[in-house]
Amino acid sequence: MELIVVDDTLREERISRDLARADRQILPVNLIYPPNYPEEPAILLDEFIGPADALKVLERMEKIQNNLASSRLAVNH
């Protein structure tokens, strides 16, 4: 996992696209990018997150990882 800090002062298209995908217009926003992004959209978190929020994201990421692993196995067989 990697923390990416973004400054949208210049209103870059790629940042605007991800904000729109997350249904947000302005920063700050917390987005978690799954390993198969952009096929799977970024996961939007509130500005302030607690342990329950973190667990939900980890569970979703686990499901995504398992689906990717299953897809790769199916393709290789």
N, C-alpha and C. Protein backbone atom coordinates (compact mmCIF):
# COMPACT_ATOMS: atom_id res chain seq x y z
N MET A 1 0.85 -1.17 0.00
CA MET A 1 0.00 0.00 0.00
C MET A 1 0.90 1.23 0.00
N GLU A 2 0.44 2.26 -0.66
CA GLU A 2 1.23 3.47 -0.81
C GLU A 2 0.36 4.69 -0.57
N LEU A 3 0.86 5.65 0.19
CA LEU A 3 0.16 6.90 0.42
C LEU A 3 0.56 7.87 -0.68
N ILE A 4 -0.44 8.44 -1.33
CA ILE A 4 -0.21 9.43 -2.38
C ILE A 4 -0.91 10.71 -1.97
N VAL A 5 -0.17 11.78 -1.91
CA VAL A 5 -0.74 13.09 -1.58
C VAL A 5 -0.87 13.87 -2.88
N VAL A 6 -2.04 14.43 -3.10
CA VAL A 6 -2.32 15.11 -4.36
C VAL A 6 -2.67 16.57 -4.09
N ASP A 7 -2.09 17.45 -4.90
CA ASP A 7 -2.42 18.87 -4.88
C ASP A 7 -3.16 19.16 -6.18
N ASP A 8 -4.41 19.57 -6.06
CA ASP A 8 -5.23 19.80 -7.26
C ASP A 8 -5.32 21.27 -7.62
N THR A 9 -4.30 22.02 -7.31
CA THR A 9 -4.30 23.45 -7.61
C THR A 9 -4.47 23.71 -9.10
N LEU A 10 -3.87 22.87 -9.93
CA LEU A 10 -3.92 23.06 -11.38
C LEU A 10 -5.12 22.38 -12.04
N ARG A 11 -5.97 21.72 -11.24
CA ARG A 11 -7.18 21.07 -11.75
C ARG A 11 -6.86 20.10 -12.90
N GLU A 12 -6.05 19.11 -12.58
CA GLU A 12 -5.67 18.12 -13.58
C GLU A 12 -6.83 17.19 -13.90
N GLU A 13 -6.90 16.78 -15.16
CA GLU A 13 -8.01 15.94 -15.63
C GLU A 13 -8.07 14.60 -14.89
N ARG A 14 -6.93 13.95 -14.67
CA ARG A 14 -6.96 12.64 -14.01
C ARG A 14 -7.47 12.74 -12.58
N ILE A 15 -7.15 13.83 -11.90
CA ILE A 15 -7.63 14.02 -10.54
C ILE A 15 -9.13 14.31 -10.56
N SER A 16 -9.55 15.17 -11.48
CA SER A 16 -10.98 15.48 -11.61
C SER A 16 -11.78 14.22 -11.91
N ARG A 17 -11.23 13.33 -12.74
CA ARG A 17 -11.91 12.09 -13.10
C ARG A 17 -12.10 11.19 -11.87
N ASP A 18 -11.06 11.07 -11.03
CA ASP A 18 -11.19 10.24 -9.83
C ASP A 18 -12.11 10.88 -8.80
N LEU A 19 -12.09 12.19 -8.69
CA LEU A 19 -13.01 12.86 -7.77
C LEU A 19 -14.45 12.65 -8.23
N ALA A 20 -14.69 12.76 -9.53
CA ALA A 20 -16.04 12.54 -10.05
C ALA A 20 -16.47 11.10 -9.82
N ARG A 21 -15.56 10.16 -10.01
CA ARG A 21 -15.87 8.75 -9.80
C ARG A 21 -16.24 8.51 -8.33
N ALA A 22 -15.62 9.26 -7.43
CA ALA A 22 -15.91 9.14 -6.01
C ALA A 22 -17.06 10.04 -5.58
N ASP A 23 -17.68 10.73 -6.56
CA ASP A 23 -18.79 11.64 -6.30
C ASP A 23 -18.38 12.76 -5.35
N ARG A 24 -17.18 13.29 -5.56
CA ARG A 24 -16.66 14.40 -4.77
C ARG A 24 -16.21 15.50 -5.72
N GLN A 25 -16.29 16.73 -5.27
CA GLN A 25 -15.87 17.85 -6.11
C GLN A 25 -14.56 18.48 -5.64
N ILE A 26 -14.26 18.33 -4.36
CA ILE A 26 -13.09 19.01 -3.81
C ILE A 26 -12.29 18.07 -2.92
N LEU A 27 -11.06 18.46 -2.66
CA LEU A 27 -10.21 17.76 -1.71
C LEU A 27 -10.44 18.36 -0.34
N PRO A 28 -10.22 17.76 0.76
CA PRO A 28 -9.55 16.46 0.89
C PRO A 28 -10.53 15.31 0.68
N VAL A 29 -9.99 14.23 0.19
CA VAL A 29 -10.75 13.00 0.01
C VAL A 29 -9.78 11.84 0.21
N ASN A 30 -10.27 10.79 0.81
CA ASN A 30 -9.47 9.59 1.02
C ASN A 30 -9.96 8.52 0.07
N LEU A 31 -9.10 8.12 -0.85
CA LEU A 31 -9.42 7.08 -1.81
C LEU A 31 -8.42 5.95 -1.66
N ILE A 32 -8.93 4.73 -1.67
CA ILE A 32 -8.09 3.55 -1.65
C ILE A 32 -8.21 2.91 -3.04
N TYR A 33 -7.08 2.75 -3.71
CA TYR A 33 -7.09 2.19 -5.05
C TYR A 33 -6.82 0.69 -5.00
N PRO A 34 -7.77 -0.11 -5.48
CA PRO A 34 -7.57 -1.55 -5.49
C PRO A 34 -6.52 -1.95 -6.54
N PRO A 35 -5.99 -3.15 -6.43
CA PRO A 35 -4.92 -3.56 -7.34
C PRO A 35 -5.34 -3.64 -8.80
N ASN A 36 -6.61 -3.79 -9.07
CA ASN A 36 -7.07 -3.86 -10.46
C ASN A 36 -7.69 -2.54 -10.94
N TYR A 37 -7.35 -1.45 -10.29
CA TYR A 37 -7.79 -0.13 -10.72
C TYR A 37 -7.24 0.12 -12.12
N PRO A 38 -7.96 0.63 -13.06
CA PRO A 38 -9.25 1.30 -12.98
C PRO A 38 -10.46 0.41 -13.24
N GLU A 39 -10.24 -0.90 -13.45
CA GLU A 39 -11.41 -1.76 -13.65
C GLU A 39 -12.33 -1.72 -12.43
N GLU A 40 -11.73 -1.77 -11.26
CA GLU A 40 -12.47 -1.64 -9.99
C GLU A 40 -12.28 -0.20 -9.53
N PRO A 41 -13.36 0.52 -9.25
CA PRO A 41 -13.21 1.93 -8.87
C PRO A 41 -12.54 2.09 -7.51
N ALA A 42 -12.01 3.27 -7.30
CA ALA A 42 -11.41 3.59 -6.01
C ALA A 42 -12.47 3.53 -4.92
N ILE A 43 -12.02 3.19 -3.72
CA ILE A 43 -12.91 3.09 -2.56
C ILE A 43 -12.84 4.42 -1.82
N LEU A 44 -13.98 5.06 -1.66
CA LEU A 44 -14.07 6.36 -0.99
C LEU A 44 -14.22 6.17 0.51
N LEU A 45 -13.40 6.87 1.27
CA LEU A 45 -13.50 6.88 2.73
C LEU A 45 -13.83 8.29 3.19
N ASP A 46 -14.47 8.40 4.34
CA ASP A 46 -14.70 9.70 4.95
C ASP A 46 -13.37 10.35 5.32
N GLU A 47 -13.40 11.65 5.58
CA GLU A 47 -12.17 12.34 5.97
C GLU A 47 -11.61 11.76 7.26
N PHE A 48 -12.49 11.40 8.18
CA PHE A 48 -12.08 10.82 9.45
C PHE A 48 -12.54 9.38 9.47
N ILE A 49 -11.61 8.46 9.62
CA ILE A 49 -11.97 7.05 9.61
C ILE A 49 -11.61 6.42 10.94
N GLY A 50 -12.39 5.42 11.29
CA GLY A 50 -12.14 4.67 12.52
C GLY A 50 -11.80 3.23 12.20
N PRO A 51 -11.60 2.42 13.22
CA PRO A 51 -11.24 1.02 13.02
C PRO A 51 -12.27 0.25 12.19
N ALA A 52 -13.55 0.49 12.41
CA ALA A 52 -14.58 -0.23 11.67
C ALA A 52 -14.50 0.11 10.17
N ASP A 53 -14.24 1.37 9.86
CA ASP A 53 -14.09 1.79 8.45
C ASP A 53 -12.89 1.09 7.81
N ALA A 54 -11.79 1.05 8.54
CA ALA A 54 -10.59 0.40 8.02
C ALA A 54 -10.84 -1.09 7.78
N LEU A 55 -11.54 -1.74 8.68
CA LEU A 55 -11.84 -3.16 8.51
C LEU A 55 -12.72 -3.41 7.28
N LYS A 56 -13.69 -2.53 7.03
CA LYS A 56 -14.55 -2.69 5.85
C LYS A 56 -13.71 -2.62 4.57
N VAL A 57 -12.79 -1.68 4.53
CA VAL A 57 -11.94 -1.54 3.35
C VAL A 57 -11.05 -2.77 3.20
N LEU A 58 -10.47 -3.23 4.29
CA LEU A 58 -9.62 -4.42 4.21
C LEU A 58 -10.41 -5.64 3.75
N GLU A 59 -11.65 -5.79 4.20
CA GLU A 59 -12.49 -6.90 3.75
C GLU A 59 -12.78 -6.79 2.26
N ARG A 60 -13.08 -5.58 1.80
CA ARG A 60 -13.35 -5.40 0.37
C ARG A 60 -12.10 -5.68 -0.46
N MET A 61 -10.95 -5.23 0.02
CA MET A 61 -9.70 -5.48 -0.70
C MET A 61 -9.41 -6.98 -0.75
N GLU A 62 -9.72 -7.69 0.32
CA GLU A 62 -9.51 -9.14 0.34
C GLU A 62 -10.38 -9.82 -0.72
N LYS A 63 -11.63 -9.39 -0.82
CA LYS A 63 -12.54 -9.95 -1.83
C LYS A 63 -12.00 -9.68 -3.24
N ILE A 64 -11.53 -8.47 -3.46
CA ILE A 64 -10.98 -8.11 -4.77
C ILE A 64 -9.76 -8.98 -5.08
N GLN A 65 -8.87 -9.13 -4.10
CA GLN A 65 -7.67 -9.96 -4.29
C GLN A 65 -8.06 -11.39 -4.61
N ASN A 66 -9.03 -11.94 -3.87
CA ASN A 66 -9.47 -13.31 -4.10
C ASN A 66 -10.08 -13.47 -5.49
N ASN A 67 -10.88 -12.49 -5.92
CA ASN A 67 -11.46 -12.54 -7.26
C ASN A 67 -10.38 -12.48 -8.34
N LEU A 68 -9.37 -11.64 -8.12
CA LEU A 68 -8.28 -11.56 -9.09
C LEU A 68 -7.51 -12.87 -9.15
N ALA A 69 -7.25 -13.46 -8.00
CA ALA A 69 -6.53 -14.74 -7.95
C ALA A 69 -7.33 -15.83 -8.65
N SER A 70 -8.64 -15.86 -8.41
CA SER A 70 -9.49 -16.85 -9.06
C SER A 70 -9.52 -16.66 -10.57
N SER A 71 -9.57 -15.42 -11.00
CA SER A 71 -9.57 -15.12 -12.44
C SER A 71 -8.27 -15.57 -13.09
N ARG A 72 -7.16 -15.33 -12.41
CA ARG A 72 -5.86 -15.73 -12.96
C ARG A 72 -5.74 -17.24 -13.04
N LEU A 73 -6.26 -17.95 -12.04
CA LEU A 73 -6.23 -19.41 -12.06
C LEU A 73 -7.07 -19.94 -13.20
N ALA A 74 -8.24 -19.35 -13.43
CA ALA A 74 -9.12 -19.81 -14.49
C ALA A 74 -8.49 -19.59 -15.86
N VAL A 75 -7.77 -18.49 -16.04
CA VAL A 75 -7.13 -18.18 -17.31
C VAL A 75 -5.97 -19.13 -17.56
N ASN A 76 -5.23 -19.49 -16.51
CA ASN A 76 -4.07 -20.35 -16.66
C ASN A 76 -4.41 -21.82 -16.83
N HIS A 77 -5.64 -22.20 -16.62
CA HIS A 77 -6.01 -23.62 -16.77
C HIS A 77 -6.82 -23.87 -17.99
